C-alpha atoms as a PDB file:
ATOM      1  CA  UNK A   1     -83.693  -6.371   5.169  1.00  0.00           C
ATOM      2  CA  UNK A   2     -84.344  -6.406   8.841  1.00  0.00           C
ATOM      3  CA  UNK A   3     -84.520  -3.114  10.587  1.00  0.00           C
ATOM      4  CA  UNK A   4     -81.130  -2.053  12.080  1.00  0.00           C
ATOM      5  CA  UNK A   5     -80.878  -2.598  15.861  1.00  0.00           C
ATOM      6  CA  UNK A   6     -81.307   1.054  17.291  1.00  0.00           C
ATOM      7  CA  UNK A   7     -78.680   0.228  19.728  1.00  0.00           C
ATOM      8  CA  UNK A   8     -76.005  -1.065  17.059  1.00  0.00           C
ATOM      9  CA  UNK A   9     -74.350   2.129  16.781  1.00  0.00           C
ATOM     10  CA  UNK A  10     -73.386   2.320  20.426  1.00  0.00           C
ATOM     11  CA  UNK A  11     -71.802  -1.294  20.025  1.00  0.00           C
ATOM     12  CA  UNK A  12     -69.385  -0.385  17.263  1.00  0.00           C
ATOM     13  CA  UNK A  13     -66.236   1.830  17.700  1.00  0.00           C
ATOM     14  CA  UNK A  14     -66.641   5.571  17.109  1.00  0.00           C
ATOM     15  CA  UNK A  15     -64.412   5.424  14.024  1.00  0.00           C
ATOM     16  CA  UNK A  16     -65.303   3.331  11.011  1.00  0.00           C
ATOM     17  CA  UNK A  17     -64.598  -0.295  11.636  1.00  0.00           C
ATOM     18  CA  UNK A  18     -63.367  -2.649   8.988  1.00  0.00           C
ATOM     19  CA  UNK A  19     -65.098  -5.984   8.971  1.00  0.00           C
ATOM     20  CA  UNK A  20     -63.631  -8.992   7.151  1.00  0.00           C
ATOM     21  CA  UNK A  21     -66.470 -11.485   6.419  1.00  0.00           C
ATOM     22  CA  UNK A  22     -64.131 -14.551   6.226  1.00  0.00           C
ATOM     23  CA  UNK A  23     -65.701 -17.617   4.173  1.00  0.00           C
ATOM     24  CA  UNK A  24     -64.238 -21.165   3.130  1.00  0.00           C
ATOM     25  CA  UNK A  25     -64.780 -20.351  -0.559  1.00  0.00           C
ATOM     26  CA  UNK A  26     -65.298 -22.971  -3.148  1.00  0.00           C
ATOM     27  CA  UNK A  27     -64.169 -23.317  -6.725  1.00  0.00           C
ATOM     28  CA  UNK A  28     -67.489 -25.065  -7.647  1.00  0.00           C
ATOM     29  CA  UNK A  29     -71.105 -23.616  -7.815  1.00  0.00           C
ATOM     30  CA  UNK A  30     -70.194 -20.688 -10.317  1.00  0.00           C
ATOM     31  CA  UNK A  31     -72.173 -22.006 -13.080  1.00  0.00           C
ATOM     32  CA  UNK A  32     -75.230 -23.800 -13.946  1.00  0.00           C
ATOM     33  CA  UNK A  33     -73.180 -26.932 -14.960  1.00  0.00           C
ATOM     34  CA  UNK A  34     -72.121 -27.141 -11.351  1.00  0.00           C
ATOM     35  CA  UNK A  35     -75.462 -26.642  -9.691  1.00  0.00           C
ATOM     36  CA  UNK A  36     -77.377 -29.122  -8.012  1.00  0.00           C
ATOM     37  CA  UNK A  37     -80.144 -29.318 -10.867  1.00  0.00           C
ATOM     38  CA  UNK A  38     -77.475 -30.444 -13.232  1.00  0.00           C
ATOM     39  CA  UNK A  39     -76.940 -33.623 -11.297  1.00  0.00           C
ATOM     40  CA  UNK A  40     -80.799 -34.593 -11.560  1.00  0.00           C
ATOM     41  CA  UNK A  41     -81.611 -34.931 -15.238  1.00  0.00           C
ATOM     42  CA  UNK A  42     -85.311 -35.735 -14.286  1.00  0.00           C
ATOM     43  CA  UNK A  43     -85.528 -32.537 -12.264  1.00  0.00           C
ATOM     44  CA  UNK A  44     -86.988 -34.434  -9.272  1.00  0.00           C
ATOM     45  CA  UNK A  45     -85.380 -32.088  -6.902  1.00  0.00           C
ATOM     46  CA  UNK A  46     -85.811 -28.488  -8.196  1.00  0.00           C
ATOM     47  CA  UNK A  47     -85.685 -26.932  -4.906  1.00  0.00           C
ATOM     48  CA  UNK A  48     -82.058 -27.770  -4.230  1.00  0.00           C
ATOM     49  CA  UNK A  49     -81.467 -25.539  -7.211  1.00  0.00           C
ATOM     50  CA  UNK A  50     -82.708 -22.175  -6.008  1.00  0.00           C
ATOM     51  CA  UNK A  51     -82.278 -20.558  -9.456  1.00  0.00           C
ATOM     52  CA  UNK A  52     -78.831 -22.038  -9.917  1.00  0.00           C
ATOM     53  CA  UNK A  53     -77.055 -20.248  -7.123  1.00  0.00           C
ATOM     54  CA  UNK A  54     -73.621 -19.005  -7.364  1.00  0.00           C
ATOM     55  CA  UNK A  55     -71.295 -19.485  -4.555  1.00  0.00           C
ATOM     56  CA  UNK A  56     -69.402 -16.091  -5.126  1.00  0.00           C
ATOM     57  CA  UNK A  57     -72.635 -14.736  -5.677  1.00  0.00           C
ATOM     58  CA  UNK A  58     -74.479 -16.026  -2.600  1.00  0.00           C
ATOM     59  CA  UNK A  59     -71.355 -14.924  -0.434  1.00  0.00           C
ATOM     60  CA  UNK A  60     -71.619 -11.287  -1.791  1.00  0.00           C
ATOM     61  CA  UNK A  61     -75.206 -11.264  -0.843  1.00  0.00           C
ATOM     62  CA  UNK A  62     -74.343 -12.313   2.652  1.00  0.00           C
ATOM     63  CA  UNK A  63     -71.723  -9.447   2.834  1.00  0.00           C
ATOM     64  CA  UNK A  64     -74.102  -6.944   1.420  1.00  0.00           C
ATOM     65  CA  UNK A  65     -76.870  -8.025   4.119  1.00  0.00           C
ATOM     66  CA  UNK A  66     -74.072  -7.682   6.881  1.00  0.00           C
ATOM     67  CA  UNK A  67     -73.193  -4.423   5.598  1.00  0.00           C
ATOM     68  CA  UNK A  68     -76.705  -3.030   5.990  1.00  0.00           C
ATOM     69  CA  UNK A  69     -77.198  -4.622   9.328  1.00  0.00           C
ATOM     70  CA  UNK A  70     -74.090  -2.876  10.773  1.00  0.00           C
ATOM     71  CA  UNK A  71     -74.686   0.402   8.875  1.00  0.00           C
ATOM     72  CA  UNK A  72     -72.475   3.106   7.932  1.00  0.00           C
ATOM     73  CA  UNK A  73     -70.056   2.731  10.828  1.00  0.00           C
ATOM     74  CA  UNK A  74     -68.661  -0.176   9.366  1.00  0.00           C
ATOM     75  CA  UNK A  75     -66.930  -1.179   6.025  1.00  0.00           C
ATOM     76  CA  UNK A  76     -67.538  -4.845   5.178  1.00  0.00           C
ATOM     77  CA  UNK A  77     -65.236  -6.787   2.826  1.00  0.00           C
ATOM     78  CA  UNK A  78     -65.991 -10.390   1.726  1.00  0.00           C
ATOM     79  CA  UNK A  79     -62.810 -12.509   1.830  1.00  0.00           C
ATOM     80  CA  UNK A  80     -62.188 -16.382   1.472  1.00  0.00           C
ATOM     81  CA  UNK A  81     -59.516 -18.758   2.470  1.00  0.00           C
ATOM     82  CA  UNK A  82     -59.564 -20.636  -0.632  1.00  0.00           C
ATOM     83  CA  UNK A  83     -60.213 -20.079  -4.426  1.00  0.00           C
ATOM     84  CA  UNK A  84     -62.085 -16.748  -4.062  1.00  0.00           C
ATOM     85  CA  UNK A  85     -60.229 -13.392  -4.007  1.00  0.00           C
ATOM     86  CA  UNK A  86     -59.579 -11.311  -1.921  1.00  0.00           C
ATOM     87  CA  UNK A  87     -58.017 -13.492   0.490  1.00  0.00           C
ATOM     88  CA  UNK A  88     -57.420 -12.435   3.997  1.00  0.00           C
ATOM     89  CA  UNK A  89     -54.116 -10.669   3.546  1.00  0.00           C
ATOM     90  CA  UNK A  90     -55.633  -8.842   0.484  1.00  0.00           C
ATOM     91  CA  UNK A  91     -58.612  -7.789   2.347  1.00  0.00           C
ATOM     92  CA  UNK A  92     -56.658  -6.329   5.271  1.00  0.00           C
ATOM     93  CA  UNK A  93     -54.401  -4.543   2.996  1.00  0.00           C
ATOM     94  CA  UNK A  94     -57.566  -3.134   1.278  1.00  0.00           C
ATOM     95  CA  UNK A  95     -58.756  -1.943   4.847  1.00  0.00           C
ATOM     96  CA  UNK A  96     -55.292  -0.165   5.481  1.00  0.00           C
ATOM     97  CA  UNK A  97     -55.238   1.503   2.134  1.00  0.00           C
ATOM     98  CA  UNK A  98     -58.719   3.066   2.959  1.00  0.00           C
ATOM     99  CA  UNK A  99     -57.471   4.423   6.183  1.00  0.00           C
ATOM    100  CA  UNK A 100     -59.173   1.877   8.445  1.00  0.00           C
ATOM    101  CA  UNK A 101     -57.484   1.667  11.916  1.00  0.00           C
ATOM    102  CA  UNK A 102     -59.511  -1.247  13.555  1.00  0.00           C
ATOM    103  CA  UNK A 103     -61.070  -4.336  12.013  1.00  0.00           C
ATOM    104  CA  UNK A 104     -62.837  -7.268  13.075  1.00  0.00           C
ATOM    105  CA  UNK A 105     -62.375 -10.714  11.147  1.00  0.00           C
ATOM    106  CA  UNK A 106     -65.554 -12.659  11.315  1.00  0.00           C
ATOM    107  CA  UNK A 107     -65.203 -16.262  10.657  1.00  0.00           C
ATOM    108  CA  UNK A 108     -68.668 -16.962   8.351  1.00  0.00           C
ATOM    109  CA  UNK A 109     -68.072 -20.823   9.094  1.00  0.00           C
ATOM    110  CA  UNK A 110     -70.767 -23.283  10.334  1.00  0.00           C
ATOM    111  CA  UNK A 111     -68.460 -25.568  12.219  1.00  0.00           C
ATOM    112  CA  UNK A 112     -65.496 -25.400  14.635  1.00  0.00           C
ATOM    113  CA  UNK A 113     -62.989 -27.456  12.749  1.00  0.00           C
ATOM    114  CA  UNK A 114     -59.667 -26.796  11.767  1.00  0.00           C
ATOM    115  CA  UNK A 115     -60.624 -23.785   9.587  1.00  0.00           C
ATOM    116  CA  UNK A 116     -62.385 -22.311  12.421  1.00  0.00           C
ATOM    117  CA  UNK A 117     -59.730 -22.909  15.078  1.00  0.00           C
ATOM    118  CA  UNK A 118     -56.202 -24.022  14.253  1.00  0.00           C
ATOM    119  CA  UNK A 119     -56.119 -22.426  10.846  1.00  0.00           C
ATOM    120  CA  UNK A 120     -57.829 -19.148  12.063  1.00  0.00           C
ATOM    121  CA  UNK A 121     -55.354 -18.517  14.641  1.00  0.00           C
ATOM    122  CA  UNK A 122     -52.647 -18.906  12.126  1.00  0.00           C
ATOM    123  CA  UNK A 123     -54.405 -16.504   9.607  1.00  0.00           C
ATOM    124  CA  UNK A 124     -54.790 -13.897  12.457  1.00  0.00           C
ATOM    125  CA  UNK A 125     -51.305 -14.297  13.536  1.00  0.00           C
ATOM    126  CA  UNK A 126     -50.132 -13.699   9.959  1.00  0.00           C
ATOM    127  CA  UNK A 127     -52.424 -10.563   9.413  1.00  0.00           C
ATOM    128  CA  UNK A 128     -51.271  -8.857  12.479  1.00  0.00           C
ATOM    129  CA  UNK A 129     -47.544  -9.080  11.228  1.00  0.00           C
ATOM    130  CA  UNK A 130     -48.551  -8.101   7.707  1.00  0.00           C
ATOM    131  CA  UNK A 131     -50.560  -4.705   9.190  1.00  0.00           C
ATOM    132  CA  UNK A 132     -48.864  -3.767  12.446  1.00  0.00           C
ATOM    133  CA  UNK A 133     -50.566  -0.491  12.392  1.00  0.00           C
ATOM    134  CA  UNK A 134     -54.135  -2.101  12.192  1.00  0.00           C
ATOM    135  CA  UNK A 135     -55.801  -3.092  15.382  1.00  0.00           C
ATOM    136  CA  UNK A 136     -57.328  -6.684  14.462  1.00  0.00           C
ATOM    137  CA  UNK A 137     -59.632  -8.715  16.383  1.00  0.00           C
ATOM    138  CA  UNK A 138     -61.129 -12.192  15.821  1.00  0.00           C
ATOM    139  CA  UNK A 139     -64.955 -12.760  16.390  1.00  0.00           C
ATOM    140  CA  UNK A 140     -66.472 -15.991  17.416  1.00  0.00           C
ATOM    141  CA  UNK A 141     -67.772 -18.275  14.714  1.00  0.00           C
ATOM    142  CA  UNK A 142     -71.372 -18.840  14.060  1.00  0.00           C
ATOM    143  CA  UNK A 143     -71.446 -21.882  16.254  1.00  0.00           C
ATOM    144  CA  UNK A 144     -74.667 -22.609  18.001  1.00  0.00           C
ATOM    145  CA  UNK A 145     -77.576 -20.439  17.799  1.00  0.00           C
ATOM    146  CA  UNK A 146     -81.358 -20.698  17.831  1.00  0.00           C
ATOM    147  CA  UNK A 147     -81.738 -19.025  14.657  1.00  0.00           C
ATOM    148  CA  UNK A 148     -79.620 -21.650  12.933  1.00  0.00           C
ATOM    149  CA  UNK A 149     -82.034 -24.063  14.152  1.00  0.00           C
ATOM    150  CA  UNK A 150     -84.911 -22.096  12.740  1.00  0.00           C
ATOM    151  CA  UNK A 151     -83.484 -22.069   9.180  1.00  0.00           C
ATOM    152  CA  UNK A 152     -82.912 -26.097   9.530  1.00  0.00           C
ATOM    153  CA  UNK A 153     -86.842 -26.493  10.508  1.00  0.00           C
ATOM    154  CA  UNK A 154     -87.633 -24.288   7.516  1.00  0.00           C
ATOM    155  CA  UNK A 155     -85.500 -26.498   5.228  1.00  0.00           C
ATOM    156  CA  UNK A 156     -87.327 -29.476   6.528  1.00  0.00           C
ATOM    157  CA  UNK A 157     -90.752 -27.883   6.069  1.00  0.00           C
ATOM    158  CA  UNK A 158     -89.878 -27.229   2.682  1.00  0.00           C
ATOM    159  CA  UNK A 159     -89.976 -30.738   1.938  1.00  0.00           C
ATOM    160  CA  UNK A 160     -93.424 -31.249   3.447  1.00  0.00           C
ATOM    161  CA  UNK A 161     -95.247 -32.140   0.354  1.00  0.00           C
ATOM    162  CA  UNK A 162     -92.621 -34.662  -0.665  1.00  0.00           C
ATOM    163  CA  UNK A 163     -92.653 -36.674   2.598  1.00  0.00           C
ATOM    164  CA  UNK A 164     -94.613 -39.949   1.907  1.00  0.00           C
ATOM    165  CA  UNK A 165     -97.385 -40.540   4.559  1.00  0.00           C
ATOM    166  CA  UNK A 166     -96.184 -43.167   7.182  1.00  0.00           C
ATOM    167  CA  UNK A 167     -98.316 -45.526   9.311  1.00  0.00           C
ATOM    168  CA  UNK A 168     -96.578 -44.709  12.569  1.00  0.00           C
ATOM    169  CA  UNK A 169     -93.524 -43.519  14.257  1.00  0.00           C
ATOM    170  CA  UNK A 170     -91.703 -40.347  14.043  1.00  0.00           C
ATOM    171  CA  UNK A 171     -90.345 -38.670  10.918  1.00  0.00           C
ATOM    172  CA  UNK A 172     -86.470 -39.018  10.709  1.00  0.00           C
ATOM    173  CA  UNK A 173     -84.451 -36.038  10.286  1.00  0.00           C
ATOM    174  CA  UNK A 174     -80.729 -36.458   9.566  1.00  0.00           C
ATOM    175  CA  UNK A 175     -78.826 -33.141   9.870  1.00  0.00           C
ATOM    176  CA  UNK A 176     -75.335 -33.408   8.303  1.00  0.00           C
ATOM    177  CA  UNK A 177     -72.520 -31.036   8.358  1.00  0.00           C
ATOM    178  CA  UNK A 178     -69.332 -31.021   6.328  1.00  0.00           C
ATOM    179  CA  UNK A 179     -66.921 -33.474   7.681  1.00  0.00           C
ATOM    180  CA  UNK A 180     -64.013 -32.554  10.014  1.00  0.00           C
ATOM    181  CA  UNK A 181     -61.366 -34.727  11.530  1.00  0.00           C
ATOM    182  CA  UNK A 182     -62.619 -35.458  15.232  1.00  0.00           C
ATOM    183  CA  UNK A 183     -59.142 -34.029  16.498  1.00  0.00           C
ATOM    184  CA  UNK A 184     -60.434 -30.633  15.330  1.00  0.00           C
ATOM    185  CA  UNK A 185     -64.063 -30.689  16.397  1.00  0.00           C
ATOM    186  CA  UNK A 186     -65.931 -32.755  19.025  1.00  0.00           C
ATOM    187  CA  UNK A 187     -69.127 -31.808  17.247  1.00  0.00           C
ATOM    188  CA  UNK A 188     -70.539 -31.269  20.864  1.00  0.00           C
ATOM    189  CA  UNK A 189     -72.266 -28.177  19.333  1.00  0.00           C
ATOM    190  CA  UNK A 190     -73.719 -30.050  16.442  1.00  0.00           C
ATOM    191  CA  UNK A 191     -75.272 -32.552  19.054  1.00  0.00           C
ATOM    192  CA  UNK A 192     -76.502 -29.578  21.001  1.00  0.00           C
ATOM    193  CA  UNK A 193     -78.106 -28.050  17.805  1.00  0.00           C
ATOM    194  CA  UNK A 194     -79.752 -31.458  16.804  1.00  0.00           C
ATOM    195  CA  UNK A 195     -81.392 -31.698  20.518  1.00  0.00           C
ATOM    196  CA  UNK A 196     -82.611 -28.196  20.185  1.00  0.00           C
ATOM    197  CA  UNK A 197     -84.059 -28.769  16.587  1.00  0.00           C
ATOM    198  CA  UNK A 198     -85.911 -31.825  17.737  1.00  0.00           C
ATOM    199  CA  UNK A 199     -87.401 -29.932  20.653  1.00  0.00           C
ATOM    200  CA  UNK A 200     -88.488 -27.236  18.365  1.00  0.00           C
ATOM    201  CA  UNK A 201     -90.116 -29.807  16.034  1.00  0.00           C
ATOM    202  CA  UNK A 202     -91.773 -31.550  18.925  1.00  0.00           C
ATOM    203  CA  UNK A 203     -93.789 -34.723  18.815  1.00  0.00           C
ATOM    204  CA  UNK A 204     -93.611 -36.701  15.475  1.00  0.00           C
ATOM    205  CA  UNK A 205     -89.895 -36.075  14.719  1.00  0.00           C
ATOM    206  CA  UNK A 206     -86.739 -37.781  15.638  1.00  0.00           C
ATOM    207  CA  UNK A 207     -83.222 -35.915  14.810  1.00  0.00           C
ATOM    208  CA  UNK A 208     -79.912 -37.304  14.696  1.00  0.00           C
ATOM    209  CA  UNK A 209     -76.871 -35.642  13.479  1.00  0.00           C
ATOM    210  CA  UNK A 210     -73.825 -36.589  11.419  1.00  0.00           C
ATOM    211  CA  UNK A 211     -70.671 -35.737   9.519  1.00  0.00           C
ATOM    212  CA  UNK A 212     -70.471 -36.067   5.925  1.00  0.00           C
ATOM    213  CA  UNK A 213     -67.049 -37.671   5.907  1.00  0.00           C
ATOM    214  CA  UNK A 214     -63.866 -37.948   8.254  1.00  0.00           C
ATOM    215  CA  UNK A 215     -65.182 -37.654  11.797  1.00  0.00           C
ATOM    216  CA  UNK A 216     -67.837 -38.938  14.115  1.00  0.00           C
ATOM    217  CA  UNK A 217     -70.669 -39.263  14.113  1.00  0.00           C
ATOM    218  CA  UNK A 218     -71.036 -40.890  10.828  1.00  0.00           C
ATOM    219  CA  UNK A 219     -74.044 -40.865   8.519  1.00  0.00           C
ATOM    220  CA  UNK A 220     -74.061 -44.627   8.816  1.00  0.00           C
ATOM    221  CA  UNK A 221     -74.086 -44.429  12.606  1.00  0.00           C
ATOM    222  CA  UNK A 222     -76.980 -41.774  12.508  1.00  0.00           C
ATOM    223  CA  UNK A 223     -79.141 -43.658   9.957  1.00  0.00           C
ATOM    224  CA  UNK A 224     -78.813 -46.936  11.961  1.00  0.00           C
ATOM    225  CA  UNK A 225     -79.759 -45.102  15.208  1.00  0.00           C
ATOM    226  CA  UNK A 226     -83.020 -43.495  13.505  1.00  0.00           C
ATOM    227  CA  UNK A 227     -84.223 -46.762  11.674  1.00  0.00           C
ATOM    228  CA  UNK A 228     -83.241 -49.368  14.252  1.00  0.00           C
ATOM    229  CA  UNK A 229     -83.446 -47.433  17.535  1.00  0.00           C
ATOM    230  CA  UNK A 230     -85.980 -44.709  17.047  1.00  0.00           C
ATOM    231  CA  UNK A 231     -88.165 -46.647  14.506  1.00  0.00           C
ATOM    232  CA  UNK A 232     -88.590 -43.900  11.762  1.00  0.00           C
ATOM    233  CA  UNK A 233     -90.052 -45.054   8.504  1.00  0.00           C
ATOM    234  CA  UNK A 234     -88.808 -42.084   6.344  1.00  0.00           C
ATOM    235  CA  UNK A 235     -85.776 -39.862   6.615  1.00  0.00           C
ATOM    236  CA  UNK A 236     -85.203 -36.279   5.558  1.00  0.00           C
ATOM    237  CA  UNK A 237     -81.578 -35.266   5.241  1.00  0.00           C
ATOM    238  CA  UNK A 238     -80.891 -31.521   5.907  1.00  0.00           C
ATOM    239  CA  UNK A 239     -77.466 -30.606   4.458  1.00  0.00           C
ATOM    240  CA  UNK A 240     -75.837 -28.184   6.918  1.00  0.00           C
ATOM    241  CA  UNK A 241     -73.886 -26.344   4.239  1.00  0.00           C
ATOM    242  CA  UNK A 242     -74.476 -23.075   2.632  1.00  0.00           C
ATOM    243  CA  UNK A 243     -74.664 -23.950  -1.207  1.00  0.00           C
ATOM    244  CA  UNK A 244     -75.057 -26.924  -3.376  1.00  0.00           C
ATOM    245  CA  UNK A 245     -71.372 -28.267  -4.254  1.00  0.00           C
ATOM    246  CA  UNK A 246     -68.859 -30.751  -3.979  1.00  0.00           C
ATOM    247  CA  UNK A 247     -69.771 -31.911  -0.444  1.00  0.00           C
ATOM    248  CA  UNK A 248     -73.475 -31.903  -0.942  1.00  0.00           C
ATOM    249  CA  UNK A 249     -72.863 -34.046  -4.371  1.00  0.00           C
ATOM    250  CA  UNK A 250     -70.313 -36.373  -3.451  1.00  0.00           C
ATOM    251  CA  UNK A 251     -70.420 -36.943   0.160  1.00  0.00           C
ATOM    252  CA  UNK A 252     -73.843 -36.004   1.366  1.00  0.00           C
ATOM    253  CA  UNK A 253     -75.986 -37.216  -1.612  1.00  0.00           C
ATOM    254  CA  UNK A 254     -73.513 -39.954  -2.430  1.00  0.00           C
ATOM    255  CA  UNK A 255     -73.757 -41.023   1.283  1.00  0.00           C
ATOM    256  CA  UNK A 256     -77.773 -41.247   1.216  1.00  0.00           C
ATOM    257  CA  UNK A 257     -77.582 -43.382  -1.971  1.00  0.00           C
ATOM    258  CA  UNK A 258     -75.346 -45.699  -0.202  1.00  0.00           C
ATOM    259  CA  UNK A 259     -77.681 -45.724   2.829  1.00  0.00           C
ATOM    260  CA  UNK A 260     -80.606 -46.066   0.605  1.00  0.00           C
ATOM    261  CA  UNK A 261     -79.654 -49.381  -0.668  1.00  0.00           C
ATOM    262  CA  UNK A 262     -79.022 -50.807   2.804  1.00  0.00           C
ATOM    263  CA  UNK A 263     -82.550 -49.411   3.835  1.00  0.00           C
ATOM    264  CA  UNK A 264     -84.489 -50.168   0.986  1.00  0.00           C
ATOM    265  CA  UNK A 265     -87.910 -49.943   3.087  1.00  0.00           C
ATOM    266  CA  UNK A 266     -87.093 -46.398   4.354  1.00  0.00           C
ATOM    267  CA  UNK A 267     -87.460 -43.482   1.741  1.00  0.00           C
ATOM    268  CA  UNK A 268     -84.654 -41.046   1.979  1.00  0.00           C
ATOM    269  CA  UNK A 269     -84.870 -37.342   0.893  1.00  0.00           C
ATOM    270  CA  UNK A 270     -82.592 -34.548   0.705  1.00  0.00           C
ATOM    271  CA  UNK A 271     -83.655 -31.120   1.610  1.00  0.00           C
ATOM    272  CA  UNK A 272     -82.296 -27.854   0.256  1.00  0.00           C
ATOM    273  CA  UNK A 273     -79.051 -26.722   1.848  1.00  0.00           C
ATOM    274  CA  UNK A 274     -78.943 -23.401   4.119  1.00  0.00           C
ATOM    275  CA  UNK A 275     -78.291 -21.003   1.349  1.00  0.00           C
ATOM    276  CA  UNK A 276     -78.428 -17.240   1.802  1.00  0.00           C
ATOM    277  CA  UNK A 277     -80.699 -16.447   4.861  1.00  0.00           C
ATOM    278  CA  UNK A 278     -80.559 -13.159   6.715  1.00  0.00           C
ATOM    279  CA  UNK A 279     -80.864 -15.008  10.175  1.00  0.00           C
ATOM    280  CA  UNK A 280     -77.385 -16.201   9.683  1.00  0.00           C
ATOM    281  CA  UNK A 281     -76.179 -13.004   8.688  1.00  0.00           C
ATOM    282  CA  UNK A 282     -77.637 -11.598  11.893  1.00  0.00           C
ATOM    283  CA  UNK A 283     -75.672 -13.972  14.122  1.00  0.00           C
ATOM    284  CA  UNK A 284     -72.538 -12.740  12.345  1.00  0.00           C
ATOM    285  CA  UNK A 285     -73.614  -9.147  13.182  1.00  0.00           C
ATOM    286  CA  UNK A 286     -74.015  -9.967  16.913  1.00  0.00           C
ATOM    287  CA  UNK A 287     -70.649 -11.754  17.055  1.00  0.00           C
ATOM    288  CA  UNK A 288     -69.054  -8.767  15.604  1.00  0.00           C
ATOM    289  CA  UNK A 289     -70.839  -6.198  17.861  1.00  0.00           C
ATOM    290  CA  UNK A 290     -69.959  -8.500  20.763  1.00  0.00           C
ATOM    291  CA  UNK A 291     -66.228  -7.993  19.978  1.00  0.00           C
ATOM    292  CA  UNK A 292     -66.456  -4.315  20.449  1.00  0.00           C
ATOM    293  CA  UNK A 293     -68.449  -4.586  23.549  1.00  0.00           C
ATOM    294  CA  UNK A 294     -65.764  -7.035  25.078  1.00  0.00           C
ATOM    295  CA  UNK A 295     -63.057  -4.234  23.948  1.00  0.00           C
ATOM    296  CA  UNK A 296     -64.740  -1.480  25.464  1.00  0.00           C
ATOM    297  CA  UNK A 297     -65.580  -3.296  28.776  1.00  0.00           C
ATOM    298  CA  UNK A 298     -61.646  -4.056  29.074  1.00  0.00           C
ATOM    299  CA  UNK A 299     -60.849  -0.490  28.352  1.00  0.00           C
ATOM    300  CA  UNK A 300     -63.137   0.581  31.247  1.00  0.00           C
ATOM    301  CA  UNK A 301     -61.322  -1.775  33.834  1.00  0.00           C
END
């Protein structure tokens, strides 16, 4: 556990603050049969498995880490939009029942798509109606942050021993997020993240970003750019998702398999997903503290 910021208690309200760590949720990834290791009978990619992660257990770990970072002045409740309870309305009612007067909803989401924008506004409006006596604020989502780029680089380096030696040209890195329709997310933040990752990696790497489905940029476009424009001879795909699940299995791994058939001369590997990483939770903690800093600044005006 990272040592708690000495100033964090000054950035939270005087009375205990309720925190709803709001995740997407998944009906998969709750058993060994749904883990990535089960997709690979020859066990050629054991690092994906990370000891058969359970999505609910992983999210609980993230919530516990967030509680530790924020300290005793907060009360963190894990909530999910889909499948896993408590859902947001249930989580808010739990805070009300515990006598909490103010709360922050923290979207623990990697993108800026429909779930993080339009749907989040709807959720917040419904929560305020259901609990009129509770002061509810919405924190910014995870978005772009240098620490997320650090996690991406670490997942790439985990594949170091598996990357075949090449004669010339950079190593291709394909960073793929879960798909979102372009009308909900322009993916400018994703492009910025890709540029930042490439700068961190330095000479010898070429990075392109893509979406697993729905919107642009597509995986096909990004791989074509890596091979034909940037001259890579090997590609490592970094799944920009938290856990192995349907998106990784069907869309990302499935897409890579199809692309491998088109570019047989370019080996393609898939790195582990982001998983439970304290650096990501640290970003969430800062987003929450930022809400109270803004609220206190408005109160001083």
